[in-house]
Amino acid sequence: MRNHSLLHTLAAVFVLGITQAVMASTPSATPLGADSVKDKAVALLERNLASLREHRTSGGQYAATFAEGARVYCDVCVPPAPMPFEQYYFQVTGTFPNGLDLMYTIHHGRIEMERVDVEYHVTIPFTKDVPAMGAGGPIPGKRQRSHLKALVVYNFTNGYLRIKQIELDQAPGSNLWMLDVSPMLAVGKPELGALADLAPSWNGNMFQVGLMRYMYPGKGTNRGNMWLKAGLRAGLRQVRLQADGVAYETTGIALRPTSSGLPAGSAVQHHLDLSQRVSDINEKVTSMTLEVPVGLSKRWAMSRKADLSLELELGIGMELTRSVNGDYTMDQLGMHTFTWADGVDPVTSSGADLTYDQRHQAVTAASGTEYSFFQDDRMVLDDLESKARPYFFWGINPSVFVRGLNDQVKYQFGLRVAMVGTNRNSAVVDGTYFADQDDHARPALTTLVDGRFQPFVGVLFGIKL
């Protein structure tokens, strides 16, 4: 029995030894939790920065925190540049022999970690403030800030923990309010529709002021640099139409015999051939607008100080007020003709038809319409139908966001390309439209188009609030 017990004991010791040997030869899955790994990495970086600040008394602690061949972004060089950490240390100690006055902030919420085989790679973003540097050395009373990120490597099989590199990091974006202004010009003209006969020239301008909110609705760091955009934009818009002129001819308008100034005869039919000429047409529509744009803004880092951006936006606008002003010159002349009832031979009076060219020669058509006659009359397009309406718009804004001294977005410069919905009406544009300047129910000429959108192009200036 004793021999059996001894055998069992020896077997147990043998199995335990084999198990420990296997465990010793197999890397631990994770000797430390993720938070513990991050804490170790952060502590190493803080030790590195502290030894740099107090390099006179820190001995070799600074070098001991780096992996072999590690490189560091030199923020005390002119110009700043990456270099081996030994060279950076020499630069700091030579420029600041009594110690480097540095301050730092570690952005714990942006720390990232990934596992690569038996190692954890921890990326630690931080900001570092040091005395500002000029060509002649430190600039008294000024400081400069760098956005950096340290890559710390931790091997969980042997406890190896070192900084592999410290490099320049793009300053993270943040939710912000922007005040922007955009002067713009109309480009081309919409499909003319009823205005085709006029062949008008077309121009316009728009000045807008907007308050925009750029925001990232997700959690954590916006690594994709994609932002939502929404806000309000108020503006003043003007559209102008100009045309050289057009002529209209209407023949055979039946007249009341007694209105012609000639004796009525049952066998005679009286007619009017009407000639209308409209020239030097000008119209301007002025609108006060309010728009609600929403969209997406995608940014790409160009440098430490600038981001390239492309924005897509759309929304609803409303004309708060709308006024129409304009004028034109018009001639309206007529020729009175009459024929026998059988329509065979024309009949003339004193050898010629009667031509109307003065207002007192007004005649009345059989339909009841009265025609007066004039030349070179200047008529107005003021106070035409000017009902304000909502409209739809969309646009593309390529721009550059410029960062300020704290490496945060401060300004925006770019272009705006907008397709603005037109205020459309329907009417026949002919001599009747122009003849009665007292008809305020007629729609403005600029609204008698078939095109749904008017293109505008301009520049964009923005400043962070």
Protein backbone atom coordinates (compact mmCIF):
# COMPACT_ATOMS: atom_id res chain seq x y z
CA MET A 1 0.00 0.00 0.00
CA ARG A 2 2.86 2.29 0.88
CA ASN A 3 4.45 1.52 -2.50
CA HIS A 4 1.20 2.40 -4.28
CA SER A 5 0.95 5.68 -2.39
CA LEU A 6 4.51 6.53 -3.27
CA LEU A 7 3.85 5.77 -6.93
CA HIS A 8 0.76 7.93 -6.93
CA THR A 9 2.68 10.77 -5.33
CA LEU A 10 5.50 10.52 -7.87
CA ALA A 11 2.98 10.38 -10.72
CA ALA A 12 1.21 13.47 -9.44
CA VAL A 13 4.49 15.36 -9.13
CA PHE A 14 5.43 14.29 -12.68
CA VAL A 15 2.12 15.43 -14.14
CA LEU A 16 2.30 18.72 -12.28
CA GLY A 17 5.80 19.31 -13.57
CA ILE A 18 4.80 18.54 -17.14
CA THR A 19 1.79 20.88 -16.83
CA GLN A 20 3.91 23.72 -15.48
CA ALA A 21 6.47 23.19 -18.22
CA VAL A 22 3.78 23.34 -20.89
CA MET A 23 2.26 26.44 -19.34
CA ALA A 24 5.68 28.03 -19.11
CA SER A 25 6.33 27.32 -22.79
CA THR A 26 2.91 28.64 -23.92
CA PRO A 27 2.35 32.48 -23.92
CA SER A 28 -0.37 33.62 -21.60
CA ALA A 29 -3.51 34.66 -23.49
CA THR A 30 -3.56 38.03 -21.70
CA PRO A 31 -1.62 38.41 -18.47
CA LEU A 32 -3.12 41.86 -18.09
CA GLY A 33 -6.54 43.18 -18.98
CA ALA A 34 -6.91 45.74 -21.75
CA ASP A 35 -7.26 48.59 -19.26
CA SER A 36 -4.14 47.47 -17.45
CA VAL A 37 -2.16 47.40 -20.70
CA LYS A 38 -3.32 50.92 -21.49
CA ASP A 39 -2.41 52.07 -17.99
CA LYS A 40 1.10 50.63 -18.35
CA ALA A 41 1.53 52.30 -21.76
CA VAL A 42 0.33 55.67 -20.45
CA ALA A 43 2.59 55.41 -17.41
CA LEU A 44 5.55 54.73 -19.69
CA LEU A 45 4.78 57.79 -21.83
CA GLU A 46 4.38 59.98 -18.75
CA ARG A 47 7.72 58.72 -17.46
CA ASN A 48 9.25 59.56 -20.84
CA LEU A 49 7.91 63.12 -20.81
CA ALA A 50 8.90 63.66 -17.16
CA SER A 51 12.47 62.53 -17.86
CA LEU A 52 12.59 64.92 -20.85
CA ARG A 53 11.38 67.80 -18.69
CA GLU A 54 13.98 67.09 -15.99
CA HIS A 55 16.75 65.76 -18.21
CA ARG A 56 19.49 67.10 -15.90
CA THR A 57 18.52 64.72 -13.10
CA SER A 58 16.74 61.88 -14.92
CA GLY A 59 19.89 60.02 -15.89
CA GLY A 60 19.23 57.52 -18.66
CA GLN A 61 15.50 57.14 -18.02
CA TYR A 62 14.56 58.90 -21.25
CA ALA A 63 16.53 56.52 -23.47
CA ALA A 64 15.32 53.51 -21.48
CA THR A 65 11.70 54.15 -22.51
CA PHE A 66 12.38 53.76 -26.25
CA ALA A 67 12.72 50.74 -28.47
CA GLU A 68 15.83 50.43 -30.60
CA GLY A 69 15.60 52.61 -33.72
CA ALA A 70 12.64 54.64 -32.41
CA ARG A 71 11.99 58.01 -34.03
CA VAL A 72 10.50 61.14 -32.48
CA TYR A 73 8.85 64.25 -33.94
CA CYS A 74 11.16 67.13 -33.05
CA ASP A 75 8.93 69.99 -31.93
CA VAL A 76 11.90 72.18 -30.92
CA CYS A 77 13.50 72.10 -34.37
CA VAL A 78 13.14 74.78 -37.05
CA PRO A 79 11.43 73.50 -39.08
CA PRO A 80 9.91 70.63 -37.04
CA ALA A 81 10.77 67.19 -38.40
CA PRO A 82 10.95 63.52 -37.33
CA MET A 83 14.37 62.17 -36.26
CA PRO A 84 15.96 59.40 -34.14
CA PHE A 85 15.17 59.83 -30.46
CA GLU A 86 18.88 60.15 -29.57
CA GLN A 87 19.21 63.11 -31.91
CA TYR A 88 16.06 64.70 -30.50
CA TYR A 89 17.38 64.31 -26.96
CA PHE A 90 20.63 65.99 -28.01
CA GLN A 91 18.61 68.84 -29.58
CA VAL A 92 16.58 69.38 -26.40
CA THR A 93 19.50 69.27 -24.02
CA GLY A 94 21.55 71.60 -26.21
CA THR A 95 18.76 74.16 -26.60
CA PHE A 96 17.39 73.91 -23.05
CA PRO A 97 20.31 72.93 -20.81
CA ASN A 98 18.39 73.68 -17.61
CA GLY A 99 15.41 71.49 -18.56
CA LEU A 100 12.55 71.69 -21.02
CA ASP A 101 9.50 73.65 -19.88
CA LEU A 102 6.88 71.34 -21.35
CA MET A 103 3.23 70.69 -20.57
CA TYR A 104 1.20 67.84 -21.95
CA THR A 105 -2.32 66.47 -22.04
CA ILE A 106 -3.04 62.81 -22.78
CA HIS A 107 -6.36 62.20 -24.55
CA HIS A 108 -7.46 59.04 -22.76
CA GLY A 109 -10.75 58.82 -24.67
CA ARG A 110 -8.91 58.44 -27.98
CA ILE A 111 -6.41 55.76 -26.98
CA GLU A 112 -6.53 52.79 -29.35
CA MET A 113 -5.12 49.30 -28.91
CA GLU A 114 -4.72 46.30 -31.18
CA ARG A 115 -3.14 42.89 -30.77
CA VAL A 116 -0.42 41.80 -33.20
CA ASP A 117 0.66 38.20 -32.48
CA VAL A 118 2.08 38.28 -28.93
CA GLU A 119 2.17 42.05 -28.73
CA TYR A 120 -0.24 44.82 -27.95
CA HIS A 121 0.23 48.04 -29.93
CA VAL A 122 -1.16 51.01 -27.99
CA THR A 123 -1.58 54.35 -29.77
CA ILE A 124 -1.76 57.27 -27.33
CA PRO A 125 -2.76 60.71 -28.68
CA PHE A 126 -1.51 63.66 -26.66
CA THR A 127 -0.80 67.36 -26.98
CA LYS A 128 2.52 68.83 -25.96
CA ASP A 129 3.27 72.52 -25.30
CA VAL A 130 6.85 73.76 -25.45
CA PRO A 131 8.47 77.19 -25.87
CA ALA A 132 8.00 78.53 -29.39
CA MET A 133 11.07 78.28 -31.59
CA GLY A 134 12.43 80.76 -34.11
CA ALA A 135 15.46 80.85 -36.33
CA GLY A 136 17.51 82.28 -33.47
CA GLY A 137 16.24 79.93 -30.78
CA PRO A 138 13.39 80.09 -28.24
CA ILE A 139 11.01 83.06 -28.62
CA PRO A 140 10.53 84.69 -25.18
CA GLY A 141 6.96 84.66 -23.91
CA LYS A 142 5.56 82.44 -26.69
CA ARG A 143 4.63 78.78 -26.73
CA GLN A 144 3.66 76.32 -29.41
CA ARG A 145 1.46 73.23 -29.29
CA SER A 146 1.88 69.98 -31.19
CA HIS A 147 -0.65 67.20 -31.59
CA LEU A 148 1.30 63.96 -31.30
CA LYS A 149 0.69 60.23 -30.94
CA ALA A 150 2.95 57.68 -29.33
CA LEU A 151 3.03 54.03 -30.38
CA VAL A 152 3.81 51.85 -27.36
CA VAL A 153 4.56 48.13 -27.80
CA TYR A 154 3.87 45.64 -25.01
CA ASN A 155 4.91 41.98 -25.34
CA PHE A 156 2.82 39.99 -22.90
CA THR A 157 5.11 36.92 -23.00
CA ASN A 158 8.13 38.66 -21.50
CA GLY A 159 6.81 42.02 -20.25
CA TYR A 160 8.73 44.05 -22.85
CA LEU A 161 7.31 47.60 -22.87
CA ARG A 162 8.80 50.34 -25.04
CA ILE A 163 7.90 53.39 -27.13
CA LYS A 164 8.37 52.57 -30.80
CA GLN A 165 7.71 56.05 -32.20
CA ILE A 166 6.25 59.48 -31.47
CA GLU A 167 4.87 61.17 -34.57
CA LEU A 168 2.78 64.15 -35.55
CA ASP A 169 -0.95 63.59 -35.26
CA GLN A 170 -3.73 65.49 -37.01
CA ALA A 171 -5.66 67.53 -34.49
CA PRO A 172 -9.05 65.86 -33.94
CA GLY A 173 -12.11 67.61 -35.27
CA SER A 174 -14.85 68.78 -32.96
CA ASN A 175 -18.45 69.89 -33.20
CA LEU A 176 -18.51 73.55 -34.05
CA TRP A 177 -20.58 76.53 -35.14
CA MET A 178 -19.54 78.38 -38.29
CA LEU A 179 -20.72 81.78 -39.49
CA ASP A 180 -20.35 81.93 -43.26
CA VAL A 181 -20.98 84.44 -46.02
CA SER A 182 -21.26 83.65 -49.72
CA PRO A 183 -21.62 86.18 -52.57
CA MET A 184 -22.77 84.37 -55.70
CA LEU A 185 -23.60 85.01 -59.35
CA ALA A 186 -26.21 83.37 -61.56
CA VAL A 187 -24.68 81.20 -64.29
CA GLY A 188 -26.52 80.70 -67.57
CA LYS A 189 -30.29 80.80 -67.63
CA PRO A 190 -33.09 78.30 -67.15
CA GLU A 191 -35.04 76.80 -70.04
CA LEU A 192 -36.95 79.80 -71.38
CA GLY A 193 -40.33 78.31 -72.24
CA ALA A 194 -42.76 81.15 -72.97
CA LEU A 195 -39.89 83.64 -73.19
CA ALA A 196 -38.24 81.96 -76.16
CA ASP A 197 -39.42 84.66 -78.62
CA LEU A 198 -37.86 87.39 -76.49
CA ALA A 199 -34.42 85.69 -76.49
CA PRO A 200 -33.52 87.61 -73.32
CA SER A 201 -30.17 87.98 -71.62
CA TRP A 202 -30.23 86.76 -68.04
CA ASN A 203 -28.17 87.58 -64.98
CA GLY A 204 -28.53 87.53 -61.26
CA ASN A 205 -26.72 87.61 -57.96
CA MET A 206 -27.21 86.41 -54.45
CA PHE A 207 -25.64 87.28 -51.11
CA GLN A 208 -26.21 84.90 -48.21
CA VAL A 209 -25.21 84.74 -44.55
CA GLY A 210 -25.47 81.40 -42.78
CA LEU A 211 -25.13 79.93 -39.30
CA MET A 212 -24.04 76.30 -39.63
CA ARG A 213 -23.55 73.52 -37.10
CA TYR A 214 -21.04 70.78 -37.92
CA MET A 215 -21.47 67.73 -35.72
CA TYR A 216 -20.44 64.11 -35.34
CA PRO A 217 -23.31 62.05 -33.90
CA GLY A 218 -21.21 58.93 -33.26
CA LYS A 219 -19.21 57.95 -30.21
CA GLY A 220 -15.47 58.29 -29.82
CA THR A 221 -13.16 59.90 -32.34
CA ASN A 222 -14.44 60.77 -35.79
CA ARG A 223 -11.69 58.85 -37.59
CA GLY A 224 -13.57 59.00 -40.91
CA ASN A 225 -13.73 62.81 -40.65
CA MET A 226 -17.34 62.78 -41.89
CA TRP A 227 -19.57 65.46 -40.40
CA LEU A 228 -23.26 66.25 -40.45
CA LYS A 229 -24.17 69.82 -41.31
CA ALA A 230 -27.35 71.78 -40.59
CA GLY A 231 -28.29 75.40 -40.06
CA LEU A 232 -30.06 78.52 -41.30
CA ARG A 233 -29.11 80.79 -44.17
CA ALA A 234 -30.63 84.21 -44.92
CA GLY A 235 -30.06 86.01 -48.17
CA LEU A 236 -30.87 88.69 -50.71
CA ARG A 237 -31.36 87.49 -54.29
CA GLN A 238 -31.84 89.47 -57.52
CA VAL A 239 -32.59 88.14 -60.99
CA ARG A 240 -32.55 90.46 -64.03
CA LEU A 241 -33.93 89.96 -67.51
CA GLN A 242 -33.16 92.12 -70.54
CA ALA A 243 -34.39 91.81 -74.13
CA ASP A 244 -33.96 93.95 -77.22
CA GLY A 245 -37.53 93.48 -78.33
CA VAL A 246 -40.06 91.57 -80.34
CA ALA A 247 -42.84 92.41 -82.81
CA TYR A 248 -46.36 91.00 -82.91
CA GLU A 249 -48.81 91.21 -85.84
CA THR A 250 -52.53 90.48 -85.56
CA THR A 251 -54.75 90.77 -88.63
CA GLY A 252 -58.46 90.71 -89.26
CA ILE A 253 -59.77 91.84 -85.87
CA ALA A 254 -63.48 92.44 -86.42
CA LEU A 255 -64.60 95.97 -85.48
CA ARG A 256 -67.87 97.54 -84.60
CA PRO A 257 -68.73 99.63 -87.68
CA THR A 258 -69.71 102.71 -85.73
CA SER A 259 -66.43 102.76 -83.87
CA SER A 260 -64.39 103.05 -87.04
CA GLY A 261 -65.36 106.61 -87.81
CA LEU A 262 -66.83 105.46 -91.14
CA PRO A 263 -70.48 105.08 -92.02
CA ALA A 264 -71.91 101.69 -91.24
CA GLY A 265 -73.01 99.64 -94.17
CA SER A 266 -74.70 96.30 -94.03
CA ALA A 267 -72.66 95.09 -96.97
CA VAL A 268 -69.29 96.14 -95.51
CA GLN A 269 -67.13 94.29 -92.95
CA HIS A 270 -64.71 96.44 -90.90
CA HIS A 271 -61.43 94.95 -89.61
CA LEU A 272 -58.30 96.06 -87.80
CA ASP A 273 -54.79 94.89 -88.56
CA LEU A 274 -52.81 95.46 -85.36
CA SER A 275 -49.04 95.97 -85.28
CA GLN A 276 -47.26 95.88 -81.89
CA ARG A 277 -43.57 96.41 -81.23
CA VAL A 278 -41.99 95.95 -77.77
CA SER A 279 -38.35 96.98 -77.20
CA ASP A 280 -35.78 97.67 -74.47
CA ILE A 281 -37.36 95.26 -71.99
CA ASN A 282 -35.95 95.26 -68.44
CA GLU A 283 -37.17 93.39 -65.40
CA LYS A 284 -35.63 92.87 -61.95
CA VAL A 285 -36.99 90.60 -59.23
CA THR A 286 -35.64 91.10 -55.70
CA SER A 287 -36.26 88.50 -53.00
CA MET A 288 -35.42 88.18 -49.33
CA THR A 289 -34.90 84.48 -48.62
CA LEU A 290 -34.50 82.10 -45.70
CA GLU A 291 -33.11 78.60 -46.23
CA VAL A 292 -32.72 75.49 -44.08
CA PRO A 293 -29.78 73.47 -45.45
CA VAL A 294 -28.74 70.01 -44.28
CA GLY A 295 -25.88 67.93 -45.62
CA LEU A 296 -22.67 65.98 -45.22
CA SER A 297 -19.12 67.31 -45.00
CA LYS A 298 -16.19 64.99 -45.74
CA ARG A 299 -12.71 66.23 -44.84
CA TRP A 300 -9.21 65.07 -45.77
CA ALA A 301 -6.12 66.23 -43.91
CA MET A 302 -3.82 68.23 -46.20
CA SER A 303 -1.37 69.34 -43.53
CA ARG A 304 -1.20 70.14 -39.88
CA LYS A 305 -2.96 73.44 -40.56
CA ALA A 306 -5.52 72.64 -43.26
CA ASP A 307 -8.22 70.13 -44.24
CA LEU A 308 -9.69 69.75 -47.70
CA SER A 309 -13.47 69.41 -47.56
CA LEU A 310 -16.27 68.47 -49.92
CA GLU A 311 -19.82 69.23 -48.79
CA LEU A 312 -23.10 68.09 -50.26
CA GLU A 313 -26.17 69.96 -49.10
CA LEU A 314 -29.86 70.27 -49.89
CA GLY A 315 -32.82 71.89 -48.28
CA ILE A 316 -35.95 74.01 -48.42
CA GLY A 317 -36.02 77.77 -48.88
CA MET A 318 -38.70 80.43 -48.65
CA GLU A 319 -38.99 83.86 -50.24
CA LEU A 320 -39.95 86.09 -47.32
CA THR A 321 -40.51 89.13 -49.55
CA ARG A 322 -40.56 89.55 -53.30
CA SER A 323 -40.75 92.68 -55.47
CA VAL A 324 -40.81 93.16 -59.25
CA ASN A 325 -39.52 96.26 -61.05
CA GLY A 326 -39.04 96.91 -64.74
CA ASP A 327 -40.06 98.79 -67.84
CA TYR A 328 -40.15 98.61 -71.62
CA THR A 329 -40.95 100.72 -74.71
CA MET A 330 -43.98 99.89 -76.84
CA ASP A 331 -45.53 100.95 -80.15
CA GLN A 332 -49.10 99.96 -81.04
CA LEU A 333 -50.37 100.94 -84.50
CA GLY A 334 -53.33 99.81 -86.53
CA MET A 335 -54.73 99.82 -90.04
CA HIS A 336 -58.47 99.88 -90.60
CA THR A 337 -59.60 97.74 -93.54
CA PHE A 338 -63.07 96.86 -94.74
CA THR A 339 -64.39 94.53 -97.36
CA TRP A 340 -67.69 93.81 -99.01
CA ALA A 341 -69.72 91.20 -97.26
CA ASP A 342 -69.01 88.70 -100.01
CA GLY A 343 -65.27 89.27 -99.44
CA VAL A 344 -64.56 89.63 -103.16
CA ASP A 345 -63.14 93.15 -103.59
CA PRO A 346 -61.56 95.38 -100.99
CA VAL A 347 -63.09 98.79 -100.57
CA THR A 348 -60.96 101.81 -99.80
CA SER A 349 -61.77 105.23 -98.49
CA SER A 350 -60.27 108.14 -100.43
CA GLY A 351 -58.08 105.71 -102.21
CA ALA A 352 -56.31 104.31 -99.07
CA ASP A 353 -56.94 102.37 -95.88
CA LEU A 354 -57.08 104.37 -92.67
CA THR A 355 -53.99 104.05 -90.42
CA TYR A 356 -54.34 104.55 -86.67
CA ASP A 357 -51.32 106.02 -84.86
CA GLN A 358 -52.76 108.24 -82.09
CA ARG A 359 -54.70 107.50 -78.89
CA HIS A 360 -57.76 109.55 -79.88
CA GLN A 361 -58.18 107.16 -82.79
CA ALA A 362 -59.05 104.30 -80.47
CA VAL A 363 -61.49 101.77 -81.85
CA THR A 364 -63.61 99.03 -80.32
CA ALA A 365 -63.56 95.49 -81.57
CA ALA A 366 -66.71 93.47 -82.06
CA SER A 367 -65.65 91.53 -78.96
CA GLY A 368 -65.78 94.71 -76.88
CA THR A 369 -62.01 95.16 -76.57
CA GLU A 370 -60.85 98.72 -77.08
CA TYR A 371 -57.60 99.38 -78.93
CA SER A 372 -55.72 102.63 -78.56
CA PHE A 373 -52.68 103.60 -80.62
CA PHE A 374 -49.36 105.09 -79.57
CA GLN A 375 -45.66 105.20 -80.28
CA ASP A 376 -42.58 105.17 -78.00
CA ASP A 377 -44.58 104.80 -74.82
CA ARG A 378 -42.48 103.79 -71.79
CA MET A 379 -44.44 101.29 -69.74
CA VAL A 380 -43.66 99.70 -66.37
CA LEU A 381 -43.58 96.18 -65.01
CA ASP A 382 -43.84 97.27 -61.38
CA ASP A 383 -46.13 95.62 -58.86
CA LEU A 384 -46.74 92.50 -60.90
CA GLU A 385 -47.94 89.32 -59.26
CA SER A 386 -45.25 88.69 -56.65
CA LYS A 387 -46.48 85.87 -54.46
CA ALA A 388 -43.60 84.43 -52.41
CA ARG A 389 -43.30 80.67 -52.54
CA PRO A 390 -41.14 77.91 -51.03
CA TYR A 391 -38.45 76.36 -53.20
CA PHE A 392 -36.03 73.45 -53.16
CA PHE A 393 -32.25 73.75 -53.57
CA TRP A 394 -29.14 71.58 -53.56
CA GLY A 395 -25.45 72.26 -53.96
CA ILE A 396 -21.80 71.24 -53.70
CA ASN A 397 -19.22 73.17 -51.66
CA PRO A 398 -15.51 72.34 -52.13
CA SER A 399 -13.52 74.22 -49.50
CA VAL A 400 -10.53 74.26 -47.18
CA PHE A 401 -10.79 74.40 -43.38
CA VAL A 402 -7.85 76.29 -41.86
CA ARG A 403 -6.71 75.66 -38.31
CA GLY A 404 -5.77 78.38 -35.84
CA LEU A 405 -2.99 78.60 -33.26
CA ASN A 406 -4.56 75.87 -31.12
CA ASP A 407 -4.76 73.52 -34.12
CA GLN A 408 -8.57 73.66 -34.10
CA VAL A 409 -10.65 74.67 -37.14
CA LYS A 410 -10.86 78.44 -37.31
CA TYR A 411 -11.64 79.51 -40.91
CA GLN A 412 -13.25 78.11 -44.05
CA PHE A 413 -12.51 79.24 -47.62
CA GLY A 414 -14.01 77.70 -50.73
CA LEU A 415 -16.52 77.69 -53.53
CA ARG A 416 -20.28 77.26 -53.56
CA VAL A 417 -22.20 75.77 -56.45
CA ALA A 418 -25.96 75.87 -55.87
CA MET A 419 -28.99 74.86 -57.90
CA VAL A 420 -31.84 77.08 -56.70
CA GLY A 421 -35.46 76.30 -57.49
CA THR A 422 -37.24 78.85 -59.68
CA ASN A 423 -40.55 80.53 -58.93
CA ARG A 424 -42.55 79.44 -61.99
CA ASN A 425 -45.84 80.67 -63.42
CA SER A 426 -47.65 80.21 -66.73
CA ALA A 427 -48.93 82.84 -69.16
CA VAL A 428 -48.89 83.65 -72.88
CA VAL A 429 -46.30 86.31 -73.68
CA ASP A 430 -47.69 88.32 -76.62
CA GLY A 431 -48.78 91.83 -77.46
CA THR A 432 -51.73 91.61 -75.08
CA TYR A 433 -49.37 90.87 -72.16
CA PHE A 434 -47.42 94.09 -72.81
CA ALA A 435 -50.25 96.37 -73.96
CA ASP A 436 -51.95 96.80 -70.57
CA GLN A 437 -49.47 98.03 -67.99
CA ASP A 438 -52.28 98.32 -65.45
CA ASP A 439 -52.76 94.55 -65.41
CA HIS A 440 -50.97 93.74 -62.15
CA ALA A 441 -52.29 90.17 -62.11
CA ARG A 442 -49.97 89.17 -64.94
CA PRO A 443 -46.96 87.20 -63.65
CA ALA A 444 -43.42 88.53 -63.84
CA LEU A 445 -41.51 87.64 -67.00
CA THR A 446 -38.74 85.94 -65.03
CA THR A 447 -41.25 83.41 -63.71
CA LEU A 448 -42.46 82.33 -67.17
CA VAL A 449 -39.71 79.75 -67.64
CA ASP A 450 -39.76 75.97 -67.94
CA GLY A 451 -36.43 75.40 -66.15
CA ARG A 452 -36.88 74.22 -62.57
CA PHE A 453 -33.49 75.38 -61.30
CA GLN A 454 -31.22 78.39 -61.65
CA PRO A 455 -27.49 77.69 -61.17
CA PHE A 456 -25.49 80.03 -58.89
CA VAL A 457 -21.72 79.96 -58.35
CA GLY A 458 -19.75 81.93 -55.79
CA VAL A 459 -17.20 81.96 -53.02
CA LEU A 460 -17.57 80.88 -49.40
CA PHE A 461 -15.96 82.49 -46.35
CA GLY A 462 -16.52 81.08 -42.87
CA ILE A 463 -15.30 81.73 -39.33
CA LYS A 464 -15.74 79.59 -36.25
CA LEU A 465 -17.87 81.13 -33.51
